[in-house]
Amino acid sequence: MRLDVASISQQGSRNINEDRICFGIFDGLALFAVADGLGGHGGGDIAASIAVQKTEEIFSSSSEHDDVESCLEQCFQAAHIAILEQCKAVGSRYSMKTTLAILTVAEDFKARWAHIGDSRLYYFPVHRRKRYLRTLDHSVTQSLVSRGEIKEDQVRFHEDRSYLLRALGEDTRRAEYDLSDATPLRIGDAILICTDGFWEWIPEQTMISCLKHAHDAHEWLGEMEQRILQAGTGKDMDNYSAIAIMVR
């Protein structure tokens, strides 16, 4: 088996792109990360850069890739501390915050992922009943869905959708992130890691439809971007970034 990968990071209609992505192979372990700096807090691009840089540093320097859970813990806590320190260094003029979603795939093709905020990971398993699984946002709107106050399809353009309950750079001692169990990947499986500027313009059923007709990750991601631009062009489009992965 092998991983077929494509990525994108675009500015949308914003003045700057505060999203950051990274991916690479470290001693046989595949690493993918997406971060979305919170633009309303100032310095979001700096916070997102710190998050992906710390992630790459930890996985590139670690000799304990068998203990992925420990590496992920280090990534979130080190990034959280570094962002808080950067805020202090600039005299608290900014309250820098960012989301972070990380995926690792080991040589035996077991995947683990972790996230904080509303950057999402979608898993499209080829041989399972559910058509897709996704991470749950740490947001006000996700809480409303969980309480049954709004429906899932109302999240995308809800008036409170931009309010997060967790992010790196919050004034807390530790970053509270969610971690998945180890998931064996199979040929035909696909994974999408993306910022909210990406998923808000494309329903999950459209993601699946694009996947069914795609021959590779580049084609899948390209078709999804076309749908996003059709829906969002001329409107208030946020930065949008994604990494598409297909198991071949």
Protein backbone atom coordinates (compact mmCIF):
# COMPACT_ATOMS: atom_id res chain seq x y z
CA MET A 1 0.00 0.00 0.00
CA ARG A 2 0.99 3.62 -0.44
CA LEU A 3 -0.37 7.07 0.30
CA ASP A 4 -1.36 9.39 -2.54
CA VAL A 5 -1.32 12.99 -1.27
CA ALA A 6 -2.41 16.40 -2.53
CA SER A 7 -2.59 19.73 -0.69
CA ILE A 8 -3.84 23.26 -1.10
CA SER A 9 -3.77 26.51 0.89
CA GLN A 10 -5.49 29.59 -0.51
CA GLN A 11 -6.15 33.11 0.72
CA GLY A 12 -9.82 33.31 -0.23
CA SER A 13 -11.11 36.87 0.00
CA ARG A 14 -8.99 37.73 3.08
CA ASN A 15 -6.04 40.12 3.04
CA ILE A 16 -3.61 37.47 4.28
CA ASN A 17 -3.57 33.69 4.57
CA GLU A 18 -3.49 32.66 8.23
CA ASP A 19 -3.69 28.92 7.45
CA ARG A 20 -0.61 26.71 7.55
CA ILE A 21 -0.09 23.11 6.45
CA CYS A 22 2.79 20.64 6.55
CA PHE A 23 3.46 17.02 5.71
CA GLY A 24 6.45 14.71 5.50
CA ILE A 25 7.94 11.31 6.30
CA PHE A 26 9.98 10.88 9.49
CA ASP A 27 11.66 7.49 9.94
CA GLY A 28 8.84 5.79 8.09
CA LEU A 29 6.05 7.67 9.89
CA ALA A 30 3.89 9.88 7.67
CA LEU A 31 2.90 13.17 9.29
CA PHE A 32 0.24 15.65 8.14
CA ALA A 33 -0.87 18.83 9.93
CA VAL A 34 -3.26 21.71 9.28
CA ALA A 35 -3.55 24.87 11.41
CA ASP A 36 -5.91 27.82 11.09
CA GLY A 37 -4.93 31.01 12.91
CA LEU A 38 -7.83 32.85 14.48
CA GLY A 39 -7.97 36.07 12.48
CA GLY A 40 -10.19 37.95 14.91
CA HIS A 41 -7.56 37.74 17.63
CA GLY A 42 -4.57 39.17 15.72
CA GLY A 43 -1.38 37.30 15.00
CA GLY A 44 -3.27 34.22 13.83
CA ASP A 45 -0.74 33.59 11.08
CA ILE A 46 2.06 33.60 13.66
CA ALA A 47 0.19 31.19 15.94
CA ALA A 48 -0.53 28.80 13.05
CA SER A 49 3.09 28.92 11.91
CA ILE A 50 4.29 28.11 15.43
CA ALA A 51 1.87 25.15 15.61
CA VAL A 52 3.06 23.46 12.42
CA GLN A 53 6.72 24.28 13.09
CA LYS A 54 6.60 22.69 16.54
CA THR A 55 4.83 19.66 15.08
CA GLU A 56 7.53 19.17 12.46
CA GLU A 57 10.32 19.77 14.97
CA ILE A 58 9.03 17.20 17.43
CA PHE A 59 8.45 14.45 14.90
CA SER A 60 11.72 15.12 13.06
CA SER A 61 13.77 15.01 16.28
CA SER A 62 11.94 12.25 18.14
CA SER A 63 13.40 8.76 18.41
CA GLU A 64 10.12 7.44 19.85
CA HIS A 65 7.87 7.22 16.80
CA ASP A 66 6.50 3.94 18.15
CA ASP A 67 4.89 6.05 20.87
CA VAL A 68 2.82 8.29 18.60
CA GLU A 69 0.54 9.28 21.45
CA SER A 70 3.47 10.78 23.36
CA CYS A 71 4.69 12.66 20.27
CA LEU A 72 1.24 14.13 19.69
CA GLU A 73 1.03 15.21 23.31
CA GLN A 74 4.37 16.98 22.94
CA CYS A 75 3.22 18.71 19.75
CA PHE A 76 0.09 20.23 21.27
CA GLN A 77 1.67 21.24 24.57
CA ALA A 78 4.87 22.63 23.03
CA ALA A 79 2.91 24.64 20.47
CA HIS A 80 0.54 25.93 23.15
CA ILE A 81 3.40 27.09 25.38
CA ALA A 82 5.32 28.64 22.48
CA ILE A 83 2.28 30.65 21.37
CA LEU A 84 1.67 31.93 24.90
CA GLU A 85 5.34 32.89 25.17
CA GLN A 86 5.15 34.73 21.85
CA CYS A 87 2.11 36.65 23.07
CA LYS A 88 4.04 37.66 26.17
CA ALA A 89 7.07 38.67 24.10
CA VAL A 90 5.03 41.16 22.06
CA GLY A 91 3.53 42.70 25.18
CA SER A 92 0.12 41.00 24.89
CA ARG A 93 -0.84 43.27 22.02
CA TYR A 94 -2.17 40.14 20.38
CA SER A 95 -4.06 37.19 21.81
CA MET A 96 -2.67 34.71 19.27
CA LYS A 97 -4.69 31.53 18.81
CA THR A 98 -4.89 28.72 16.31
CA THR A 99 -6.55 25.41 15.60
CA LEU A 100 -4.43 22.34 14.91
CA ALA A 101 -5.28 18.97 13.35
CA ILE A 102 -2.61 16.28 13.03
CA LEU A 103 -2.67 12.89 11.31
CA THR A 104 0.03 10.23 11.55
CA VAL A 105 0.23 7.03 9.50
CA ALA A 106 2.72 4.39 10.62
CA GLU A 107 4.53 1.92 8.37
CA ASP A 108 1.89 -0.71 9.18
CA PHE A 109 -0.73 1.79 7.91
CA LYS A 110 -2.29 2.37 11.29
CA ALA A 111 -3.51 5.95 11.55
CA ARG A 112 -3.94 8.19 14.57
CA TRP A 113 -5.17 11.74 14.64
CA ALA A 114 -5.66 14.55 17.11
CA HIS A 115 -7.21 17.99 16.91
CA ILE A 116 -8.16 21.16 18.74
CA GLY A 117 -10.58 23.77 17.43
CA ASP A 118 -12.68 23.44 14.27
CA SER A 119 -10.15 22.28 11.70
CA ARG A 120 -11.51 18.88 10.77
CA LEU A 121 -10.32 15.43 9.82
CA TYR A 122 -12.69 13.37 7.68
CA TYR A 123 -12.16 9.64 7.31
CA PHE A 124 -13.87 7.92 4.39
CA PRO A 125 -13.58 4.15 4.98
CA VAL A 126 -14.16 1.96 1.94
CA HIS A 127 -15.28 -1.17 3.83
CA ARG A 128 -17.41 0.18 6.69
CA ARG A 129 -21.08 0.91 7.19
CA LYS A 130 -20.65 4.59 7.89
CA ARG A 131 -19.87 6.62 4.77
CA TYR A 132 -17.58 8.89 6.74
CA LEU A 133 -16.36 9.75 10.23
CA ARG A 134 -15.16 13.16 11.29
CA THR A 135 -13.67 14.94 14.26
CA LEU A 136 -16.09 16.99 16.35
CA ASP A 137 -15.44 20.73 16.46
CA HIS A 138 -14.60 22.43 19.73
CA SER A 139 -17.09 25.18 18.99
CA VAL A 140 -20.28 26.77 20.21
CA THR A 141 -22.22 25.43 17.23
CA GLN A 142 -21.01 21.86 17.77
CA SER A 143 -22.24 22.14 21.35
CA LEU A 144 -25.62 23.29 20.06
CA VAL A 145 -25.76 20.23 17.79
CA SER A 146 -24.82 17.93 20.67
CA ARG A 147 -27.64 19.39 22.78
CA GLY A 148 -30.12 19.00 19.94
CA GLU A 149 -30.72 22.74 19.63
CA ILE A 150 -29.69 22.92 15.96
CA LYS A 151 -29.19 20.33 13.23
CA GLU A 152 -25.83 19.34 11.78
CA ASP A 153 -26.57 21.04 8.45
CA GLN A 154 -27.15 24.35 10.25
CA VAL A 155 -23.57 24.59 11.52
CA ARG A 156 -21.93 25.90 8.35
CA PHE A 157 -23.49 29.35 8.29
CA HIS A 158 -24.74 29.71 11.84
CA GLU A 159 -24.24 33.18 13.34
CA ASP A 160 -22.09 31.73 16.16
CA ARG A 161 -20.05 29.34 14.01
CA SER A 162 -16.77 31.24 14.46
CA TYR A 163 -16.79 30.99 18.26
CA LEU A 164 -14.42 28.29 19.48
CA LEU A 165 -14.37 26.68 22.90
CA ARG A 166 -10.82 25.36 22.59
CA ALA A 167 -7.73 26.51 20.70
CA LEU A 168 -3.97 26.66 21.09
CA GLY A 169 -3.02 29.92 22.77
CA GLU A 170 -6.00 30.05 25.14
CA ASP A 171 -5.16 31.25 28.64
CA THR A 172 -4.99 27.74 30.09
CA ARG A 173 -2.11 25.71 31.51
CA ARG A 174 -2.55 22.88 29.03
CA ALA A 175 -3.99 22.42 25.57
CA GLU A 176 -7.09 20.21 25.72
CA TYR A 177 -7.17 18.28 22.47
CA ASP A 178 -8.96 15.13 21.29
CA LEU A 179 -7.05 11.98 20.30
CA SER A 180 -8.30 9.05 18.21
CA ASP A 181 -7.64 5.36 18.70
CA ALA A 182 -5.31 3.62 16.25
CA THR A 183 -7.23 2.95 13.02
CA PRO A 184 -5.99 0.41 10.44
CA LEU A 185 -6.23 1.86 6.94
CA ARG A 186 -7.19 -0.23 3.93
CA ILE A 187 -6.82 0.18 0.18
CA GLY A 188 -9.51 2.55 -1.02
CA ASP A 189 -9.74 4.52 2.23
CA ALA A 190 -9.42 8.30 2.04
CA ILE A 191 -8.75 11.07 4.55
CA LEU A 192 -9.30 14.82 4.29
CA ILE A 193 -7.79 17.29 6.77
CA CYS A 194 -9.07 20.82 6.29
CA THR A 195 -9.75 24.22 7.82
CA ASP A 196 -13.24 25.61 8.30
CA GLY A 197 -12.81 27.86 5.26
CA PHE A 198 -12.74 24.65 3.22
CA TRP A 199 -15.47 22.52 4.78
CA GLU A 200 -17.99 25.31 5.21
CA TRP A 201 -18.50 25.54 1.42
CA ILE A 202 -18.74 21.85 0.60
CA PRO A 203 -21.21 19.35 2.12
CA GLU A 204 -19.98 15.90 3.06
CA GLN A 205 -22.08 14.23 0.37
CA THR A 206 -20.31 16.37 -2.23
CA MET A 207 -16.94 15.34 -0.80
CA ILE A 208 -17.99 11.71 -1.24
CA SER A 209 -19.29 12.29 -4.75
CA CYS A 210 -16.00 13.93 -5.78
CA LEU A 211 -14.08 11.05 -4.21
CA LYS A 212 -16.04 8.41 -6.14
CA HIS A 213 -15.09 9.97 -9.47
CA ALA A 214 -11.45 10.80 -8.65
CA HIS A 215 -8.54 8.72 -9.92
CA ASP A 216 -6.06 10.20 -7.44
CA ALA A 217 -5.77 12.67 -4.56
CA HIS A 218 -4.98 15.63 -6.83
CA GLU A 219 -8.13 15.03 -8.86
CA TRP A 220 -10.24 14.62 -5.73
CA LEU A 221 -8.93 17.81 -4.14
CA GLY A 222 -9.14 19.73 -7.41
CA GLU A 223 -12.79 18.79 -7.90
CA MET A 224 -13.62 19.77 -4.33
CA GLU A 225 -11.93 23.14 -4.78
CA GLN A 226 -13.98 23.78 -7.90
CA ARG A 227 -17.16 23.14 -5.93
CA ILE A 228 -15.95 25.46 -3.16
CA LEU A 229 -15.23 28.26 -5.60
CA GLN A 230 -18.59 27.80 -7.30
CA ALA A 231 -20.32 28.17 -3.93
CA GLY A 232 -18.15 30.87 -2.37
CA THR A 233 -16.84 33.17 -5.10
CA GLY A 234 -18.18 36.69 -4.63
CA LYS A 235 -18.98 36.00 -1.01
CA ASP A 236 -16.97 36.42 2.20
CA MET A 237 -14.57 33.50 1.70
CA ASP A 238 -12.17 32.69 4.50
CA ASN A 239 -8.70 31.23 3.89
CA TYR A 240 -9.16 27.61 2.87
CA SER A 241 -6.62 24.82 3.20
CA ALA A 242 -6.70 21.04 2.94
CA ILE A 243 -4.64 17.89 2.62
CA ALA A 244 -6.27 15.01 0.72
CA ILE A 245 -4.93 11.49 1.21
CA MET A 246 -5.92 8.30 -0.61
CA VAL A 247 -4.68 4.81 0.27
CA ARG A 248 -3.70 3.06 -2.95
